[in-house]
Amino acid sequence: MQDNPAIAILVDSKPQNRTPEPAKVAGIADDFRIIIEAGIAPVSFNATIVRITGKIAFPESVGKLELYSTDPRANPSVTFNYLSSEKDLAQCVKLTQLLELALRSKSIASFLGSNEHRNKPMPTKDELQKLCKTTVRTFYHYHGGCTMGSVVDKNYRVYGVKGLRVIDGSTLLESPGTNPMATLLMLGRYQGLKILKHRKGASFNSPST
């Protein structure tokens, strides 16, 4: 099982320069391996802090998912092992450097409440590695816990369990994009139509009809 490591930086904004409809900005770098998102909006209605977040796509670090109960209401044990791969840690350093460059750019300066950080020296590699390890967070794009071929077949039916299908992000081997919601909604509708078609066909061909 995997999750994309993310780093979020909180910065103070200028309320007078805030747009009525908050803008959503996404930047893609390093051959689609780094994705940066920012909303020019406060984290709450009573704060001027805004969040700029970066995500590492295609992580090498692998976690594990374990079931300790047959009760479907019981939560599983999940360990993601964020940045356990040296390559992922190096990518996180590069991601954080890009976030720093974005914050120091003239394009972003008009939205920030203070520009003091622009005059400070860039953090060292060791400082950024420590930052990555202590502040890494989820991007909520969990995947790989129920992959096709290992847990479900090509029709998303769970092996060994009759009448159960899994159609969500856990069946994906990778989650490189900014948000897989639209893809999963499309996949769910497609598989739902296949299930309905199969049921109608089975009902039509049943000896009782």
N, C-alpha and C. Protein backbone atom coordinates (compact mmCIF):
# COMPACT_ATOMS: atom_id res chain seq x y z
N MET A 1 0.85 -1.19 0.00
CA MET A 1 0.00 0.00 0.00
C MET A 1 0.89 1.24 0.00
N GLN A 2 0.41 2.29 -0.66
CA GLN A 2 1.19 3.51 -0.76
C GLN A 2 0.32 4.75 -0.58
N ASP A 3 0.98 5.84 -0.27
CA ASP A 3 0.35 7.16 -0.25
C ASP A 3 1.40 8.15 -0.71
N ASN A 4 0.98 9.17 -1.42
CA ASN A 4 1.92 10.17 -1.92
C ASN A 4 2.36 11.10 -0.80
N PRO A 5 3.66 11.18 -0.51
CA PRO A 5 4.14 12.10 0.53
C PRO A 5 3.87 13.55 0.11
N ALA A 6 3.58 14.38 1.08
CA ALA A 6 3.30 15.79 0.79
C ALA A 6 3.95 16.68 1.83
N ILE A 7 4.29 17.88 1.40
CA ILE A 7 4.83 18.91 2.29
C ILE A 7 3.96 20.15 2.12
N ALA A 8 3.50 20.71 3.22
CA ALA A 8 2.67 21.92 3.17
C ALA A 8 3.38 23.06 3.89
N ILE A 9 3.37 24.22 3.27
CA ILE A 9 3.95 25.42 3.87
C ILE A 9 2.84 26.45 4.09
N LEU A 10 2.77 26.97 5.31
CA LEU A 10 1.78 27.98 5.63
C LEU A 10 2.43 29.36 5.58
N VAL A 11 1.81 30.27 4.86
CA VAL A 11 2.35 31.63 4.74
C VAL A 11 1.25 32.64 5.02
N ASP A 12 1.64 33.79 5.49
CA ASP A 12 0.69 34.86 5.77
C ASP A 12 0.35 35.58 4.47
N SER A 13 -0.91 35.93 4.31
CA SER A 13 -1.35 36.59 3.08
C SER A 13 -1.83 38.01 3.37
N LYS A 14 -2.01 38.78 2.31
CA LYS A 14 -2.56 40.13 2.42
C LYS A 14 -4.06 40.06 2.14
N PRO A 15 -4.91 40.23 3.16
CA PRO A 15 -6.35 40.12 2.95
C PRO A 15 -6.88 41.05 1.87
N GLN A 16 -6.28 42.24 1.73
CA GLN A 16 -6.77 43.20 0.75
C GLN A 16 -6.52 42.74 -0.69
N ASN A 17 -5.58 41.81 -0.88
CA ASN A 17 -5.29 41.32 -2.22
C ASN A 17 -5.94 39.97 -2.51
N ARG A 18 -6.75 39.50 -1.58
CA ARG A 18 -7.40 38.21 -1.76
C ARG A 18 -8.54 38.34 -2.77
N THR A 19 -8.60 37.43 -3.70
CA THR A 19 -9.64 37.47 -4.73
C THR A 19 -10.97 36.98 -4.17
N PRO A 20 -12.12 37.52 -4.69
CA PRO A 20 -13.44 37.07 -4.21
C PRO A 20 -13.63 35.56 -4.39
N GLU A 21 -13.18 35.05 -5.52
CA GLU A 21 -13.25 33.61 -5.79
C GLU A 21 -11.83 33.08 -5.75
N PRO A 22 -11.46 32.34 -4.69
CA PRO A 22 -10.07 31.89 -4.53
C PRO A 22 -9.57 31.11 -5.74
N ALA A 23 -8.38 31.44 -6.17
CA ALA A 23 -7.79 30.76 -7.32
C ALA A 23 -7.16 29.45 -6.90
N LYS A 24 -7.20 28.47 -7.80
CA LYS A 24 -6.51 27.20 -7.59
C LYS A 24 -5.39 27.12 -8.61
N VAL A 25 -4.18 26.93 -8.12
CA VAL A 25 -3.01 26.90 -8.98
C VAL A 25 -2.32 25.56 -8.81
N ALA A 26 -1.94 24.95 -9.93
CA ALA A 26 -1.20 23.68 -9.88
C ALA A 26 0.03 23.80 -10.76
N GLY A 27 1.16 23.40 -10.24
CA GLY A 27 2.40 23.39 -11.01
C GLY A 27 2.96 21.99 -11.08
N ILE A 28 3.42 21.58 -12.25
CA ILE A 28 3.96 20.23 -12.45
C ILE A 28 5.42 20.36 -12.85
N ALA A 29 6.29 19.62 -12.18
CA ALA A 29 7.73 19.73 -12.43
C ALA A 29 8.40 18.36 -12.40
N ASP A 30 9.64 18.34 -12.84
CA ASP A 30 10.48 17.14 -12.78
C ASP A 30 9.80 15.94 -13.45
N ASP A 31 9.36 16.15 -14.70
CA ASP A 31 8.76 15.07 -15.49
C ASP A 31 7.58 14.43 -14.77
N PHE A 32 6.68 15.25 -14.25
CA PHE A 32 5.44 14.84 -13.59
C PHE A 32 5.67 14.17 -12.23
N ARG A 33 6.88 14.21 -11.70
CA ARG A 33 7.13 13.56 -10.41
C ARG A 33 6.87 14.49 -9.23
N ILE A 34 6.72 15.79 -9.50
CA ILE A 34 6.43 16.75 -8.44
C ILE A 34 5.23 17.60 -8.85
N ILE A 35 4.25 17.68 -7.97
CA ILE A 35 3.05 18.48 -8.24
C ILE A 35 2.84 19.45 -7.08
N ILE A 36 2.70 20.72 -7.40
CA ILE A 36 2.51 21.76 -6.38
C ILE A 36 1.13 22.38 -6.56
N GLU A 37 0.38 22.46 -5.47
CA GLU A 37 -0.95 23.06 -5.50
C GLU A 37 -1.01 24.20 -4.49
N ALA A 38 -1.78 25.20 -4.83
CA ALA A 38 -1.95 26.32 -3.90
C ALA A 38 -3.33 26.92 -4.08
N GLY A 39 -3.95 27.22 -2.97
CA GLY A 39 -5.20 27.95 -3.00
C GLY A 39 -4.98 29.30 -2.36
N ILE A 40 -5.26 30.38 -3.08
CA ILE A 40 -5.07 31.72 -2.52
C ILE A 40 -6.28 32.02 -1.64
N ALA A 41 -6.39 31.26 -0.57
CA ALA A 41 -7.50 31.40 0.37
C ALA A 41 -7.00 31.04 1.76
N PRO A 42 -7.59 31.62 2.81
CA PRO A 42 -7.15 31.31 4.17
C PRO A 42 -7.55 29.90 4.58
N VAL A 43 -6.87 29.35 5.59
CA VAL A 43 -7.21 28.02 6.07
C VAL A 43 -8.51 28.04 6.86
N SER A 44 -8.94 29.22 7.29
CA SER A 44 -10.24 29.39 7.94
C SER A 44 -10.71 30.83 7.71
N PHE A 45 -11.96 31.09 8.03
CA PHE A 45 -12.51 32.43 7.81
C PHE A 45 -11.89 33.47 8.73
N ASN A 46 -11.31 33.03 9.84
CA ASN A 46 -10.75 33.96 10.82
C ASN A 46 -9.24 34.08 10.74
N ALA A 47 -8.64 33.51 9.70
CA ALA A 47 -7.18 33.53 9.58
C ALA A 47 -6.76 34.10 8.23
N THR A 48 -5.56 34.63 8.18
CA THR A 48 -5.01 35.14 6.91
C THR A 48 -3.96 34.19 6.34
N ILE A 49 -3.73 33.07 7.03
CA ILE A 49 -2.74 32.09 6.58
C ILE A 49 -3.27 31.30 5.38
N VAL A 50 -2.43 31.12 4.37
CA VAL A 50 -2.79 30.28 3.22
C VAL A 50 -1.80 29.13 3.14
N ARG A 51 -2.23 28.06 2.48
CA ARG A 51 -1.42 26.85 2.40
C ARG A 51 -0.94 26.61 0.97
N ILE A 52 0.34 26.31 0.82
CA ILE A 52 0.91 25.88 -0.45
C ILE A 52 1.46 24.47 -0.22
N THR A 53 0.98 23.52 -1.00
CA THR A 53 1.30 22.11 -0.77
C THR A 53 1.95 21.49 -1.99
N GLY A 54 2.91 20.63 -1.75
CA GLY A 54 3.57 19.89 -2.82
C GLY A 54 3.43 18.40 -2.60
N LYS A 55 3.29 17.67 -3.70
CA LYS A 55 3.10 16.22 -3.64
C LYS A 55 4.16 15.52 -4.49
N ILE A 56 4.65 14.39 -3.99
CA ILE A 56 5.59 13.56 -4.74
C ILE A 56 4.81 12.45 -5.43
N ALA A 57 4.82 12.44 -6.76
CA ALA A 57 4.15 11.39 -7.52
C ALA A 57 5.10 10.21 -7.70
N PHE A 58 4.54 9.04 -7.94
CA PHE A 58 5.31 7.81 -8.16
C PHE A 58 6.32 7.52 -7.04
N PRO A 59 5.91 7.54 -5.77
CA PRO A 59 6.86 7.25 -4.70
C PRO A 59 7.34 5.80 -4.73
N GLU A 60 8.56 5.59 -4.27
CA GLU A 60 9.11 4.23 -4.19
C GLU A 60 8.84 3.60 -2.82
N SER A 61 8.67 4.41 -1.81
CA SER A 61 8.42 3.90 -0.45
C SER A 61 7.11 3.13 -0.41
N VAL A 62 7.15 1.94 0.17
CA VAL A 62 5.98 1.07 0.22
C VAL A 62 5.62 0.77 1.67
N GLY A 63 4.34 0.84 1.97
CA GLY A 63 3.86 0.51 3.31
C GLY A 63 3.15 -0.82 3.32
N LYS A 64 2.34 -1.04 4.33
CA LYS A 64 1.62 -2.31 4.41
C LYS A 64 0.25 -2.10 5.05
N LEU A 65 -0.67 -2.98 4.69
CA LEU A 65 -2.04 -2.97 5.21
C LEU A 65 -2.32 -4.34 5.80
N GLU A 66 -2.72 -4.37 7.07
CA GLU A 66 -2.98 -5.64 7.74
C GLU A 66 -4.37 -5.64 8.37
N LEU A 67 -5.06 -6.77 8.25
CA LEU A 67 -6.37 -6.94 8.86
C LEU A 67 -6.21 -7.77 10.13
N TYR A 68 -6.75 -7.26 11.23
CA TYR A 68 -6.68 -7.97 12.49
C TYR A 68 -8.03 -8.53 12.92
N SER A 69 -9.05 -8.30 12.09
CA SER A 69 -10.38 -8.75 12.45
C SER A 69 -11.20 -9.01 11.19
N THR A 70 -12.14 -9.94 11.28
CA THR A 70 -13.06 -10.20 10.17
C THR A 70 -14.27 -9.28 10.25
N ASP A 71 -14.34 -8.46 11.27
CA ASP A 71 -15.43 -7.49 11.43
C ASP A 71 -15.22 -6.35 10.43
N PRO A 72 -16.14 -6.15 9.47
CA PRO A 72 -15.95 -5.09 8.47
C PRO A 72 -15.97 -3.69 9.06
N ARG A 73 -16.42 -3.55 10.30
CA ARG A 73 -16.46 -2.23 10.95
C ARG A 73 -15.15 -1.89 11.64
N ALA A 74 -14.27 -2.87 11.76
CA ALA A 74 -12.99 -2.64 12.44
C ALA A 74 -11.98 -2.05 11.48
N ASN A 75 -11.24 -1.05 11.94
CA ASN A 75 -10.23 -0.42 11.10
C ASN A 75 -9.01 -1.33 10.93
N PRO A 76 -8.42 -1.34 9.74
CA PRO A 76 -7.19 -2.12 9.54
C PRO A 76 -5.98 -1.38 10.11
N SER A 77 -4.87 -2.07 10.17
CA SER A 77 -3.61 -1.45 10.57
C SER A 77 -2.87 -1.03 9.31
N VAL A 78 -2.54 0.26 9.21
CA VAL A 78 -1.91 0.79 8.00
C VAL A 78 -0.61 1.50 8.37
N THR A 79 0.46 1.15 7.67
CA THR A 79 1.75 1.82 7.82
C THR A 79 2.23 2.24 6.44
N PHE A 80 2.48 3.54 6.23
CA PHE A 80 2.84 4.02 4.90
C PHE A 80 4.35 4.11 4.67
N ASN A 81 5.14 4.22 5.72
CA ASN A 81 6.61 4.31 5.57
C ASN A 81 7.03 5.47 4.67
N TYR A 82 6.47 6.64 4.92
CA TYR A 82 6.80 7.82 4.11
C TYR A 82 8.30 8.08 4.07
N LEU A 83 8.81 8.36 2.88
CA LEU A 83 10.20 8.77 2.65
C LEU A 83 11.22 7.75 3.16
N SER A 84 10.83 6.48 3.24
CA SER A 84 11.80 5.45 3.63
C SER A 84 12.79 5.17 2.50
N SER A 85 12.42 5.52 1.28
CA SER A 85 13.32 5.39 0.14
C SER A 85 14.19 6.65 0.03
N GLU A 86 15.48 6.45 -0.21
CA GLU A 86 16.39 7.60 -0.36
C GLU A 86 16.00 8.46 -1.56
N LYS A 87 15.47 7.81 -2.60
CA LYS A 87 15.04 8.56 -3.78
C LYS A 87 13.86 9.47 -3.44
N ASP A 88 12.92 8.96 -2.65
CA ASP A 88 11.78 9.77 -2.24
C ASP A 88 12.23 10.95 -1.38
N LEU A 89 13.20 10.72 -0.51
CA LEU A 89 13.71 11.80 0.33
C LEU A 89 14.38 12.88 -0.51
N ALA A 90 15.13 12.44 -1.53
CA ALA A 90 15.77 13.40 -2.44
C ALA A 90 14.72 14.20 -3.21
N GLN A 91 13.64 13.53 -3.61
CA GLN A 91 12.55 14.22 -4.31
C GLN A 91 11.88 15.23 -3.39
N CYS A 92 11.76 14.88 -2.12
CA CYS A 92 11.14 15.79 -1.16
C CYS A 92 11.99 17.04 -0.98
N VAL A 93 13.31 16.88 -0.95
CA VAL A 93 14.21 18.03 -0.86
C VAL A 93 14.03 18.93 -2.08
N LYS A 94 13.96 18.32 -3.25
CA LYS A 94 13.77 19.10 -4.49
C LYS A 94 12.41 19.81 -4.46
N LEU A 95 11.39 19.11 -3.98
CA LEU A 95 10.05 19.70 -3.87
C LEU A 95 10.07 20.91 -2.94
N THR A 96 10.71 20.79 -1.80
CA THR A 96 10.76 21.89 -0.84
C THR A 96 11.53 23.08 -1.40
N GLN A 97 12.57 22.81 -2.16
CA GLN A 97 13.32 23.89 -2.81
C GLN A 97 12.43 24.63 -3.82
N LEU A 98 11.60 23.89 -4.53
CA LEU A 98 10.67 24.52 -5.48
C LEU A 98 9.64 25.37 -4.75
N LEU A 99 9.16 24.89 -3.60
CA LEU A 99 8.22 25.68 -2.81
C LEU A 99 8.87 26.98 -2.34
N GLU A 100 10.13 26.90 -1.93
CA GLU A 100 10.85 28.10 -1.50
C GLU A 100 10.99 29.09 -2.66
N LEU A 101 11.34 28.58 -3.84
CA LEU A 101 11.48 29.46 -5.01
C LEU A 101 10.15 30.12 -5.36
N ALA A 102 9.07 29.35 -5.23
CA ALA A 102 7.75 29.91 -5.53
C ALA A 102 7.41 31.04 -4.56
N LEU A 103 7.69 30.83 -3.28
CA LEU A 103 7.39 31.85 -2.28
C LEU A 103 8.23 33.11 -2.46
N ARG A 104 9.42 32.96 -3.02
CA ARG A 104 10.32 34.10 -3.22
C ARG A 104 10.07 34.81 -4.56
N SER A 105 9.19 34.26 -5.38
CA SER A 105 8.96 34.83 -6.71
C SER A 105 8.13 36.11 -6.62
N LYS A 106 8.30 36.99 -7.60
CA LYS A 106 7.55 38.25 -7.64
C LYS A 106 6.06 38.00 -7.87
N SER A 107 5.73 36.92 -8.57
CA SER A 107 4.33 36.62 -8.86
C SER A 107 3.53 36.34 -7.59
N ILE A 108 4.18 35.74 -6.61
CA ILE A 108 3.51 35.38 -5.37
C ILE A 108 3.59 36.50 -4.33
N ALA A 109 4.59 37.36 -4.47
CA ALA A 109 4.86 38.38 -3.45
C ALA A 109 3.66 39.26 -3.14
N SER A 110 2.85 39.58 -4.14
CA SER A 110 1.72 40.49 -3.92
C SER A 110 0.65 39.88 -3.02
N PHE A 111 0.66 38.55 -2.88
CA PHE A 111 -0.35 37.89 -2.05
C PHE A 111 0.14 37.67 -0.62
N LEU A 112 1.44 37.85 -0.37
CA LEU A 112 1.99 37.54 0.93
C LEU A 112 2.00 38.76 1.85
N GLY A 113 1.78 38.50 3.14
CA GLY A 113 1.74 39.58 4.10
C GLY A 113 3.12 40.09 4.48
N SER A 114 4.13 39.24 4.34
CA SER A 114 5.50 39.64 4.69
C SER A 114 6.46 39.05 3.68
N ASN A 115 7.45 39.83 3.30
CA ASN A 115 8.46 39.37 2.35
C ASN A 115 9.84 39.21 3.00
N GLU A 116 9.86 39.14 4.32
CA GLU A 116 11.14 39.04 5.03
C GLU A 116 11.92 37.79 4.64
N HIS A 117 11.18 36.68 4.38
CA HIS A 117 11.86 35.42 4.08
C HIS A 117 12.63 35.48 2.77
N ARG A 118 12.26 36.44 1.89
CA ARG A 118 12.93 36.52 0.59
C ARG A 118 14.38 36.95 0.74
N ASN A 119 14.70 37.62 1.84
CA ASN A 119 16.07 38.10 2.05
C ASN A 119 16.92 37.11 2.84
N LYS A 120 16.30 36.02 3.29
CA LYS A 120 17.04 35.02 4.05
C LYS A 120 17.69 34.02 3.10
N PRO A 121 18.83 33.42 3.49
CA PRO A 121 19.48 32.42 2.64
C PRO A 121 18.62 31.17 2.51
N MET A 122 18.77 30.49 1.38
CA MET A 122 18.03 29.25 1.16
C MET A 122 18.49 28.19 2.16
N PRO A 123 17.58 27.37 2.68
CA PRO A 123 17.97 26.31 3.61
C PRO A 123 18.93 25.32 2.95
N THR A 124 19.78 24.69 3.75
CA THR A 124 20.72 23.71 3.23
C THR A 124 20.01 22.38 2.97
N LYS A 125 20.70 21.49 2.27
CA LYS A 125 20.14 20.17 1.98
C LYS A 125 19.82 19.41 3.26
N ASP A 126 20.73 19.46 4.23
CA ASP A 126 20.50 18.76 5.51
C ASP A 126 19.29 19.33 6.24
N GLU A 127 19.13 20.64 6.20
CA GLU A 127 17.98 21.28 6.85
C GLU A 127 16.68 20.86 6.17
N LEU A 128 16.70 20.76 4.85
CA LEU A 128 15.50 20.37 4.12
C LEU A 128 15.17 18.90 4.33
N GLN A 129 16.19 18.05 4.44
CA GLN A 129 15.94 16.64 4.73
C GLN A 129 15.26 16.48 6.09
N LYS A 130 15.75 17.23 7.07
CA LYS A 130 15.15 17.19 8.40
C LYS A 130 13.72 17.71 8.35
N LEU A 131 13.50 18.78 7.60
CA LEU A 131 12.16 19.34 7.46
C LEU A 131 11.21 18.31 6.84
N CYS A 132 11.67 17.63 5.80
CA CYS A 132 10.84 16.63 5.13
C CYS A 132 10.45 15.51 6.09
N LYS A 133 11.41 15.02 6.86
CA LYS A 133 11.16 13.90 7.75
C LYS A 133 10.22 14.26 8.90
N THR A 134 10.29 15.51 9.35
CA THR A 134 9.49 15.91 10.52
C THR A 134 8.12 16.47 10.15
N THR A 135 7.94 16.91 8.91
CA THR A 135 6.66 17.55 8.54
C THR A 135 5.92 16.84 7.42
N VAL A 136 6.43 15.71 6.94
CA VAL A 136 5.74 15.00 5.85
C VAL A 136 4.32 14.66 6.27
N ARG A 137 3.40 14.78 5.35
CA ARG A 137 1.99 14.54 5.63
C ARG A 137 1.34 13.81 4.47
N THR A 138 0.12 13.40 4.66
CA THR A 138 -0.61 12.69 3.61
C THR A 138 -1.16 13.67 2.57
N PHE A 139 -1.34 13.17 1.36
CA PHE A 139 -2.04 13.93 0.32
C PHE A 139 -3.42 13.33 0.07
N TYR A 140 -3.79 12.34 0.90
CA TYR A 140 -5.10 11.68 0.86
C TYR A 140 -5.36 10.97 -0.47
N HIS A 141 -4.30 10.49 -1.10
CA HIS A 141 -4.43 9.73 -2.34
C HIS A 141 -3.94 8.30 -2.12
N TYR A 142 -4.51 7.64 -1.12
CA TYR A 142 -4.10 6.28 -0.79
C TYR A 142 -4.39 5.35 -1.97
N HIS A 143 -3.49 4.41 -2.20
CA HIS A 143 -3.68 3.47 -3.30
C HIS A 143 -2.82 2.23 -3.09
N GLY A 144 -3.16 1.17 -3.84
CA GLY A 144 -2.35 -0.04 -3.83
C GLY A 144 -2.71 -1.06 -2.78
N GLY A 145 -3.74 -0.83 -1.97
CA GLY A 145 -4.09 -1.79 -0.93
C GLY A 145 -4.99 -2.91 -1.39
N CYS A 146 -5.53 -2.78 -2.61
CA CYS A 146 -6.49 -3.77 -3.10
C CYS A 146 -6.36 -3.86 -4.62
N THR A 147 -5.16 -4.12 -5.09
CA THR A 147 -4.86 -3.99 -6.52
C THR A 147 -5.46 -5.11 -7.37
N MET A 148 -5.69 -4.75 -8.62
CA MET A 148 -6.22 -5.71 -9.58
C MET A 148 -5.16 -6.79 -9.85
N GLY A 149 -5.60 -8.02 -9.82
CA GLY A 149 -4.69 -9.14 -10.04
C GLY A 149 -4.28 -9.79 -8.73
N SER A 150 -4.06 -8.98 -7.69
CA SER A 150 -3.68 -9.52 -6.38
C SER A 150 -4.90 -9.76 -5.49
N VAL A 151 -5.83 -8.80 -5.49
CA VAL A 151 -6.99 -8.88 -4.60
C VAL A 151 -8.29 -8.96 -5.38
N VAL A 152 -8.38 -8.22 -6.49
CA VAL A 152 -9.60 -8.23 -7.30
C VAL A 152 -9.26 -8.64 -8.73
N ASP A 153 -10.28 -9.17 -9.44
CA ASP A 153 -10.07 -9.55 -10.84
C ASP A 153 -10.35 -8.35 -11.74
N LYS A 154 -10.38 -8.57 -13.05
CA LYS A 154 -10.55 -7.47 -13.99
C LYS A 154 -11.92 -6.81 -13.90
N ASN A 155 -12.87 -7.48 -13.27
CA ASN A 155 -14.19 -6.90 -13.05
C ASN A 155 -14.36 -6.39 -11.61
N TYR A 156 -13.23 -6.26 -10.91
CA TYR A 156 -13.17 -5.71 -9.55
C TYR A 156 -13.89 -6.59 -8.52
N ARG A 157 -14.03 -7.87 -8.82
CA ARG A 157 -14.59 -8.82 -7.86
C ARG A 157 -13.48 -9.36 -6.97
N VAL A 158 -13.73 -9.35 -5.66
CA VAL A 158 -12.72 -9.80 -4.71
C VAL A 158 -12.58 -11.31 -4.78
N TYR A 159 -11.36 -11.78 -4.93
CA TYR A 159 -11.11 -13.21 -4.99
C TYR A 159 -11.56 -13.89 -3.69
N GLY A 160 -12.32 -14.98 -3.83
CA GLY A 160 -12.70 -15.79 -2.68
C GLY A 160 -13.87 -15.26 -1.88
N VAL A 161 -14.45 -14.11 -2.27
CA VAL A 161 -15.59 -13.55 -1.55
C VAL A 161 -16.72 -13.31 -2.55
N LYS A 162 -17.77 -14.07 -2.45
CA LYS A 162 -18.87 -13.96 -3.39
C LYS A 162 -19.69 -12.69 -3.14
N GLY A 163 -20.03 -12.00 -4.22
CA GLY A 163 -20.89 -10.82 -4.12
C GLY A 163 -20.21 -9.56 -3.64
N LEU A 164 -18.89 -9.51 -3.63
CA LEU A 164 -18.18 -8.32 -3.16
C LEU A 164 -17.25 -7.79 -4.23
N ARG A 165 -17.39 -6.51 -4.52
CA ARG A 165 -16.50 -5.82 -5.45
C ARG A 165 -15.91 -4.60 -4.76
N VAL A 166 -14.72 -4.24 -5.16
CA VAL A 166 -14.06 -3.03 -4.65
C VAL A 166 -13.72 -2.15 -5.84
N ILE A 167 -14.27 -0.93 -5.85
CA ILE A 167 -14.01 0.01 -6.94
C ILE A 167 -13.68 1.36 -6.32
N ASP A 168 -12.41 1.55 -6.00
CA ASP A 168 -11.97 2.83 -5.44
C ASP A 168 -10.46 2.97 -5.66
N GLY A 169 -9.86 3.96 -5.02
CA GLY A 169 -8.44 4.23 -5.24
C GLY A 169 -7.51 3.12 -4.79
N SER A 170 -7.98 2.22 -3.93
CA SER A 170 -7.11 1.15 -3.45
C SER A 170 -6.75 0.16 -4.55
N THR A 171 -7.51 0.16 -5.65
CA THR A 171 -7.22 -0.76 -6.75
C THR A 171 -6.15 -0.21 -7.70
N LEU A 172 -5.77 1.06 -7.53
CA LEU A 172 -4.79 1.68 -8.42
C LEU A 172 -3.37 1.35 -7.98
N LEU A 173 -2.50 1.10 -8.95
CA LEU A 173 -1.09 0.88 -8.65
C LEU A 173 -0.37 2.20 -8.40
N GLU A 174 -0.85 3.27 -9.04
CA GLU A 174 -0.25 4.59 -8.89
C GLU A 174 -1.34 5.65 -8.84
N SER A 175 -1.03 6.78 -8.22
CA SER A 175 -1.95 7.91 -8.18
C SER A 175 -1.16 9.18 -8.42
N PRO A 176 -0.73 9.40 -9.67
CA PRO A 176 0.20 10.50 -9.96
C PRO A 176 -0.44 11.88 -10.05
N GLY A 177 -1.73 11.97 -10.34
CA GLY A 177 -2.36 13.25 -10.61
C GLY A 177 -2.66 14.07 -9.37
N THR A 178 -3.25 15.23 -9.57
CA THR A 178 -3.57 16.11 -8.45
C THR A 178 -4.79 15.63 -7.69
N ASN A 179 -5.74 14.99 -8.37
CA ASN A 179 -6.93 14.49 -7.69
C ASN A 179 -7.56 13.38 -8.53
N PRO A 180 -7.62 12.15 -8.00
CA PRO A 180 -8.16 11.02 -8.78
C PRO A 180 -9.68 10.89 -8.70
N MET A 181 -10.37 11.85 -8.07
CA MET A 181 -11.80 11.70 -7.84
C MET A 181 -12.59 11.49 -9.13
N ALA A 182 -12.34 12.33 -10.14
CA ALA A 182 -13.11 12.22 -11.39
C ALA A 182 -12.88 10.86 -12.05
N THR A 183 -11.65 10.39 -12.04
CA THR A 183 -11.33 9.08 -12.63
C THR A 183 -12.08 7.98 -11.90
N LEU A 184 -12.12 8.03 -10.58
CA LEU A 184 -12.78 6.99 -9.80
C LEU A 184 -14.29 7.05 -9.95
N LEU A 185 -14.85 8.25 -10.06
CA LEU A 185 -16.29 8.38 -10.30
C LEU A 185 -16.66 7.78 -11.65
N MET A 186 -15.84 8.06 -12.66
CA MET A 186 -16.08 7.50 -13.99
C MET A 186 -15.98 5.98 -13.96
N LEU A 187 -14.97 5.46 -13.27
CA LEU A 187 -14.78 4.01 -13.16
C LEU A 187 -15.94 3.36 -12.42
N GLY A 188 -16.40 4.00 -11.34
CA GLY A 188 -17.53 3.47 -10.59
C GLY A 188 -18.79 3.40 -11.42
N ARG A 189 -19.04 4.46 -12.21
CA ARG A 189 -20.23 4.45 -13.07
C ARG A 189 -20.12 3.37 -14.15
N TYR A 190 -18.94 3.25 -14.73
CA TYR A 190 -18.73 2.25 -15.78
C TYR A 190 -18.97 0.84 -15.25
N GLN A 191 -18.40 0.54 -14.09
CA GLN A 191 -18.58 -0.79 -13.52
C GLN A 191 -20.02 -1.00 -13.04
N GLY A 192 -20.66 0.07 -12.55
CA GLY A 192 -22.06 -0.04 -12.15
C GLY A 192 -22.96 -0.40 -13.31
N LEU A 193 -22.72 0.21 -14.47
CA LEU A 193 -23.50 -0.12 -15.67
C LEU A 193 -23.25 -1.56 -16.10
N LYS A 194 -22.03 -2.03 -15.97
CA LYS A 194 -21.72 -3.42 -16.31
C LYS A 194 -22.45 -4.38 -15.38
N ILE A 195 -22.52 -4.04 -14.10
CA ILE A 195 -23.24 -4.89 -13.14
C ILE A 195 -24.72 -4.94 -13.48
N LEU A 196 -25.32 -3.78 -13.78
CA LEU A 196 -26.74 -3.74 -14.14
C LEU A 196 -27.01 -4.54 -15.41
N LYS A 197 -26.13 -4.40 -16.38
CA LYS A 197 -26.28 -5.14 -17.63
C LYS A 197 -26.21 -6.64 -17.39
N HIS A 198 -25.28 -7.04 -16.54
CA HIS A 198 -25.13 -8.46 -16.21
C HIS A 198 -26.37 -8.99 -15.49
N ARG A 199 -26.91 -8.19 -14.55
CA ARG A 199 -28.10 -8.62 -13.81
C ARG A 199 -29.32 -8.73 -14.72
N LYS A 200 -29.48 -7.78 -15.62
CA LYS A 200 -30.61 -7.84 -16.55
C LYS A 200 -30.51 -9.04 -17.46
N GLY A 201 -29.29 -9.34 -17.91
CA GLY A 201 -29.08 -10.50 -18.76
C GLY A 201 -29.35 -11.78 -18.03
N ALA A 202 -28.92 -11.86 -16.75
CA ALA A 202 -29.14 -13.07 -15.95
C ALA A 202 -30.62 -13.25 -15.68
N SER A 203 -31.34 -12.14 -15.42
CA SER A 203 -32.77 -12.21 -15.16
C SER A 203 -33.53 -12.65 -16.41
N PHE A 204 -33.11 -12.14 -17.57
CA PHE A 204 -33.79 -12.47 -18.83
C PHE A 204 -33.60 -13.94 -19.19
N ASN A 205 -32.42 -14.48 -18.87
CA ASN A 205 -32.11 -15.86 -19.23
C ASN A 205 -32.48 -16.86 -18.14
N SER A 206 -33.05 -16.37 -17.03
CA SER A 206 -33.41 -17.26 -15.93
C SER A 206 -34.59 -18.14 -16.31
N PRO A 207 -34.59 -19.43 -15.94
CA PRO A 207 -35.70 -20.34 -16.27
C PRO A 207 -37.02 -19.91 -15.67
N SER A 208 -36.98 -19.10 -14.59
CA SER A 208 -38.21 -18.69 -13.92
C SER A 208 -38.92 -17.55 -14.63
N THR A 209 -38.27 -16.94 -15.67
CA THR A 209 -38.91 -15.80 -16.34
C THR A 209 -39.54 -16.22 -17.64
